[in-house]
């Protein structure tokens, strides 16, 4: 089910619509005019380098979140130690 961009010729509003079985949107989401123009689709390009960069970025973010959780746990442990004494 492809997602297409549309522009209303009446008000200029741009929106995305999911097209199922070639049934296109019949009116603008904003002004409800029926004069719609389907915009050209952008081409998605992937390469091995882009996929690797995305995977690296995801790993770095996960590691950073893990470090933050570990630091928060350490602060909580230290806080409880101080309360106990």
C-alpha atoms as a PDB file:
ATOM      1  CA  UNK A   1       0.000   0.000   0.000  1.00  0.00           C
ATOM      2  CA  UNK A   2       1.856   3.037  -1.222  1.00  0.00           C
ATOM      3  CA  UNK A   3       1.871   6.377   0.515  1.00  0.00           C
ATOM      4  CA  UNK A   4       1.558   9.365  -1.810  1.00  0.00           C
ATOM      5  CA  UNK A   5       1.818  13.123  -1.349  1.00  0.00           C
ATOM      6  CA  UNK A   6      -1.033  15.273  -2.589  1.00  0.00           C
ATOM      7  CA  UNK A   7      -1.537  19.025  -2.934  1.00  0.00           C
ATOM      8  CA  UNK A   8      -4.884  20.745  -3.027  1.00  0.00           C
ATOM      9  CA  UNK A   9      -5.039  23.132  -5.961  1.00  0.00           C
ATOM     10  CA  UNK A  10      -7.700  25.195  -4.169  1.00  0.00           C
ATOM     11  CA  UNK A  11      -5.929  25.976  -0.879  1.00  0.00           C
ATOM     12  CA  UNK A  12      -2.361  24.686  -1.428  1.00  0.00           C
ATOM     13  CA  UNK A  13      -2.504  22.278   1.532  1.00  0.00           C
ATOM     14  CA  UNK A  14      -0.122  19.309   1.129  1.00  0.00           C
ATOM     15  CA  UNK A  15      -0.835  15.964   2.771  1.00  0.00           C
ATOM     16  CA  UNK A  16       0.000  12.271   2.588  1.00  0.00           C
ATOM     17  CA  UNK A  17      -2.554   9.610   1.752  1.00  0.00           C
ATOM     18  CA  UNK A  18      -2.356   5.836   1.824  1.00  0.00           C
ATOM     19  CA  UNK A  19      -3.638   4.540  -1.516  1.00  0.00           C
ATOM     20  CA  UNK A  20      -5.297   1.118  -1.437  1.00  0.00           C
ATOM     21  CA  UNK A  21      -6.442  -0.637  -4.596  1.00  0.00           C
ATOM     22  CA  UNK A  22      -5.815   2.546  -6.605  1.00  0.00           C
ATOM     23  CA  UNK A  23      -8.534   4.368  -4.617  1.00  0.00           C
ATOM     24  CA  UNK A  24      -7.152   7.870  -4.256  1.00  0.00           C
ATOM     25  CA  UNK A  25      -8.353  10.517  -1.792  1.00  0.00           C
ATOM     26  CA  UNK A  26     -11.386  12.345  -3.077  1.00  0.00           C
ATOM     27  CA  UNK A  27     -11.038  15.633  -1.190  1.00  0.00           C
ATOM     28  CA  UNK A  28      -8.569  17.886   0.601  1.00  0.00           C
ATOM     29  CA  UNK A  29      -8.222  17.187   4.319  1.00  0.00           C
ATOM     30  CA  UNK A  30      -8.287  20.908   5.097  1.00  0.00           C
ATOM     31  CA  UNK A  31     -10.782  22.633   2.786  1.00  0.00           C
ATOM     32  CA  UNK A  32     -12.539  19.550   1.333  1.00  0.00           C
ATOM     33  CA  UNK A  33     -12.056  20.738  -2.258  1.00  0.00           C
ATOM     34  CA  UNK A  34     -11.906  17.944  -4.808  1.00  0.00           C
ATOM     35  CA  UNK A  35      -9.168  19.404  -7.056  1.00  0.00           C
ATOM     36  CA  UNK A  36      -6.129  17.399  -5.924  1.00  0.00           C
ATOM     37  CA  UNK A  37      -2.749  16.941  -7.546  1.00  0.00           C
ATOM     38  CA  UNK A  38      -0.602  13.890  -6.806  1.00  0.00           C
ATOM     39  CA  UNK A  39       2.986  15.032  -6.279  1.00  0.00           C
ATOM     40  CA  UNK A  40       6.008  13.149  -7.629  1.00  0.00           C
ATOM     41  CA  UNK A  41       7.387  10.585  -5.220  1.00  0.00           C
ATOM     42  CA  UNK A  42      10.900  10.792  -3.859  1.00  0.00           C
ATOM     43  CA  UNK A  43      13.131   7.854  -4.640  1.00  0.00           C
ATOM     44  CA  UNK A  44      14.599   6.003  -1.683  1.00  0.00           C
ATOM     45  CA  UNK A  45      18.246   5.140  -2.164  1.00  0.00           C
ATOM     46  CA  UNK A  46      20.180   2.883   0.159  1.00  0.00           C
ATOM     47  CA  UNK A  47      23.731   1.774   0.108  1.00  0.00           C
ATOM     48  CA  UNK A  48      25.857  -0.496   2.210  1.00  0.00           C
ATOM     49  CA  UNK A  49      27.515   2.554   3.789  1.00  0.00           C
ATOM     50  CA  UNK A  50      24.171   4.158   4.702  1.00  0.00           C
ATOM     51  CA  UNK A  51      22.880   0.926   6.212  1.00  0.00           C
ATOM     52  CA  UNK A  52      26.092   0.523   8.212  1.00  0.00           C
ATOM     53  CA  UNK A  53      25.936   4.143   9.393  1.00  0.00           C
ATOM     54  CA  UNK A  54      22.322   3.681  10.516  1.00  0.00           C
ATOM     55  CA  UNK A  55      23.223   0.493  12.391  1.00  0.00           C
ATOM     56  CA  UNK A  56      26.202   2.222  14.045  1.00  0.00           C
ATOM     57  CA  UNK A  57      24.024   5.151  15.070  1.00  0.00           C
ATOM     58  CA  UNK A  58      21.460   2.811  16.586  1.00  0.00           C
ATOM     59  CA  UNK A  59      24.167   0.968  18.540  1.00  0.00           C
ATOM     60  CA  UNK A  60      25.634   4.258  19.825  1.00  0.00           C
ATOM     61  CA  UNK A  61      22.224   5.466  20.983  1.00  0.00           C
ATOM     62  CA  UNK A  62      21.515   2.160  22.725  1.00  0.00           C
ATOM     63  CA  UNK A  63      24.901   2.302  24.446  1.00  0.00           C
ATOM     64  CA  UNK A  64      24.298   5.884  25.578  1.00  0.00           C
ATOM     65  CA  UNK A  65      20.907   4.929  27.002  1.00  0.00           C
ATOM     66  CA  UNK A  66      22.498   1.974  28.765  1.00  0.00           C
ATOM     67  CA  UNK A  67      25.155   4.248  30.293  1.00  0.00           C
ATOM     68  CA  UNK A  68      22.476   6.698  31.466  1.00  0.00           C
ATOM     69  CA  UNK A  69      20.481   3.877  33.069  1.00  0.00           C
ATOM     70  CA  UNK A  70      23.606   2.534  34.770  1.00  0.00           C
ATOM     71  CA  UNK A  71      24.494   6.003  36.084  1.00  0.00           C
ATOM     72  CA  UNK A  72      20.948   6.492  37.376  1.00  0.00           C
ATOM     73  CA  UNK A  73      21.080   3.113  39.099  1.00  0.00           C
ATOM     74  CA  UNK A  74      24.410   4.018  40.714  1.00  0.00           C
ATOM     75  CA  UNK A  75      22.994   7.335  41.962  1.00  0.00           C
ATOM     76  CA  UNK A  76      19.996   5.549  43.425  1.00  0.00           C
ATOM     77  CA  UNK A  77      22.206   2.977  45.175  1.00  0.00           C
ATOM     78  CA  UNK A  78      24.386   5.748  46.590  1.00  0.00           C
ATOM     79  CA  UNK A  79      21.301   7.648  47.740  1.00  0.00           C
ATOM     80  CA  UNK A  80      20.015   4.570  49.574  1.00  0.00           C
ATOM     81  CA  UNK A  81      23.428   4.009  51.167  1.00  0.00           C
ATOM     82  CA  UNK A  82      23.403   7.555  52.525  1.00  0.00           C
ATOM     83  CA  UNK A  83      19.876   7.090  53.872  1.00  0.00           C
ATOM     84  CA  UNK A  84      20.899   3.898  55.656  1.00  0.00           C
ATOM     85  CA  UNK A  85      23.771   5.607  57.544  1.00  0.00           C
END
